[in-house]
C-alpha cells in the first residue's frame, strides 16, 4: 500500500471520527446552530483534513528524496531562499510521521519538493509511492 493511500485512510478515519462525534454530541446539530452553519463546519473540517493530508504527502515525498539523496538538514536549508528564523527545516535523519504544521509552511515544502524531484530524476532514483 502506498504512502498516499495510507495517509488518505488515516485522515479519512479522523474526519469520520469528527463527524460521528459531532453528530453524537450534537455540537453541530442543525436545530442548535442552523443548517447553513452545520454544513459550513462539516465542509470546513473536510477542507482542513484535505490540507493536512496534502501537506503530509508532500512532506513524506520530500523526506523520501532527501534520504535517497543523502541530504542533511543544512543541505535542505540551503535549497530554500528567504528562510525565516522561526522556520525549522525538517531533518531527514529523524523519523517523523507527520509534517510540521506550524513551524514550516507548505510553500517551503513545495520548493523543496520541486528541487529534490529534479535532482532525483537526474540520479535515476525511483519515484515516491
Protein backbone atom coordinates (compact mmCIF):
# COMPACT_ATOMS: atom_id res chain seq x y z
CA UNK A 1 0.00 0.00 0.00
CA UNK A 2 1.42 3.37 -0.97
CA UNK A 3 2.08 6.19 1.47
CA UNK A 4 -0.59 8.33 -0.20
CA UNK A 5 -3.24 5.68 0.37
CA UNK A 6 -2.16 5.08 3.97
CA UNK A 7 -2.36 8.79 4.74
CA UNK A 8 -5.68 9.13 2.93
CA UNK A 9 -7.16 6.30 5.00
CA UNK A 10 -5.78 7.82 8.22
CA UNK A 11 -7.19 11.30 7.54
CA UNK A 12 -10.50 9.85 6.35
CA UNK A 13 -10.81 7.94 9.63
CA UNK A 14 -10.03 11.13 11.56
CA UNK A 15 -12.73 13.01 9.63
CA UNK A 16 -15.27 10.23 10.22
CA UNK A 17 -14.47 10.30 13.94
CA UNK A 18 -15.04 14.07 13.90
CA UNK A 19 -18.33 13.77 12.02
CA UNK A 20 -19.67 10.95 14.20
CA UNK A 21 -18.53 12.74 17.34
CA UNK A 22 -20.19 15.97 16.24
CA UNK A 23 -23.43 14.13 15.46
CA UNK A 24 -23.36 12.12 18.68
CA UNK A 25 -22.59 15.12 20.90
CA UNK A 26 -24.95 17.37 18.98
CA UNK A 27 -22.35 20.13 18.66
CA UNK A 28 -23.16 20.78 15.01
CA UNK A 29 -26.84 19.90 15.16
CA UNK A 30 -28.87 21.96 12.68
CA UNK A 31 -31.53 22.52 15.35
CA UNK A 32 -28.95 24.34 17.50
CA UNK A 33 -26.89 26.33 15.01
CA UNK A 34 -28.87 26.17 11.78
CA UNK A 35 -28.43 24.06 8.67
CA UNK A 36 -26.12 26.52 6.90
CA UNK A 37 -23.66 26.64 9.82
CA UNK A 38 -23.78 22.86 10.17
CA UNK A 39 -22.94 22.42 6.51
CA UNK A 40 -20.24 25.09 6.74
CA UNK A 41 -18.43 23.39 9.65
CA UNK A 42 -18.55 19.94 8.04
CA UNK A 43 -17.11 21.36 4.81
CA UNK A 44 -14.51 23.40 6.73
CA UNK A 45 -13.41 20.28 8.62
CA UNK A 46 -13.19 18.33 5.35
CA UNK A 47 -11.01 21.05 3.81
CA UNK A 48 -8.72 21.11 6.83
CA UNK A 49 -8.36 17.33 6.66
CA UNK A 50 -7.58 17.57 2.92
CA UNK A 51 -4.94 20.25 3.57
CA UNK A 52 -3.30 18.16 6.27
CA UNK A 53 -3.35 15.07 4.01
CA UNK A 54 -1.79 17.00 1.14
CA UNK A 55 0.88 18.57 3.36
CA UNK A 56 1.80 15.19 4.82
CA UNK A 57 2.05 13.57 1.38
CA UNK A 58 4.38 16.33 0.18
CA UNK A 59 6.37 16.09 3.44
CA UNK A 60 6.80 12.32 3.10
CA UNK A 61 7.89 12.75 -0.54
CA UNK A 62 10.45 15.41 0.41
CA UNK A 63 11.85 13.21 3.18
CA UNK A 64 11.98 10.20 0.84
CA UNK A 65 14.01 12.07 -1.75
CA UNK A 66 16.21 13.78 0.87
CA UNK A 67 17.11 10.40 2.38
CA UNK A 68 17.69 8.86 -1.05
CA UNK A 69 19.98 11.76 -1.99
CA UNK A 70 21.67 11.56 1.45
CA UNK A 71 20.98 15.22 2.25
CA UNK A 72 21.20 16.72 5.72
CA UNK A 73 19.06 19.37 7.36
CA UNK A 74 21.61 22.06 6.46
CA UNK A 75 21.59 20.90 2.82
CA UNK A 76 17.81 21.32 2.72
CA UNK A 77 18.08 24.72 4.40
CA UNK A 78 20.44 25.85 1.62
CA UNK A 79 17.85 24.93 -1.03
CA UNK A 80 15.22 27.31 0.37
CA UNK A 81 15.56 31.03 -0.36
CA UNK A 82 14.38 33.63 2.18
CA UNK A 83 14.01 31.27 5.11
CA UNK A 84 12.77 32.99 8.28
CA UNK A 85 14.47 32.44 11.63
CA UNK A 86 11.31 30.91 13.10
CA UNK A 87 11.04 28.30 10.34
CA UNK A 88 12.62 24.97 11.16
CA UNK A 89 13.63 22.86 8.18
CA UNK A 90 12.71 19.19 8.68
CA UNK A 91 15.58 16.81 9.41
CA UNK A 92 15.70 13.83 7.00
CA UNK A 93 17.73 11.80 9.52
CA UNK A 94 14.92 11.95 12.06
CA UNK A 95 11.78 9.86 11.58
CA UNK A 96 8.62 12.00 11.75
CA UNK A 97 5.24 10.52 10.96
CA UNK A 98 3.54 13.87 10.41
CA UNK A 99 4.60 17.09 8.74
CA UNK A 100 5.39 20.08 10.92
CA UNK A 101 2.14 22.04 10.95
CA UNK A 102 3.10 25.45 12.32
CA UNK A 103 6.86 25.95 12.07
CA UNK A 104 7.37 25.05 8.39
CA UNK A 105 4.94 26.18 5.68
CA UNK A 106 3.60 24.24 2.72
CA UNK A 107 5.32 26.75 0.43
CA UNK A 108 8.73 25.67 1.78
CA UNK A 109 7.84 22.03 1.28
CA UNK A 110 6.73 22.79 -2.27
CA UNK A 111 10.06 24.46 -3.07
CA UNK A 112 11.99 21.51 -1.64
CA UNK A 113 9.72 19.05 -3.44
CA UNK A 114 10.37 20.58 -6.86
CA UNK A 115 14.13 20.81 -6.36
CA UNK A 116 14.51 17.33 -4.88
CA UNK A 117 12.34 15.68 -7.54
CA UNK A 118 14.54 17.25 -10.21
CA UNK A 119 17.72 16.01 -8.51
CA UNK A 120 16.20 12.55 -8.02
CA UNK A 121 15.24 12.24 -11.68
CA UNK A 122 18.78 13.21 -12.71
CA UNK A 123 20.19 10.41 -10.48
CA UNK A 124 17.55 7.82 -11.51
CA UNK A 125 16.07 7.45 -8.02
CA UNK A 126 12.76 5.56 -8.13
CA UNK A 127 9.68 7.78 -7.74
CA UNK A 128 7.90 8.16 -4.42
CA UNK A 129 4.93 5.85 -3.88
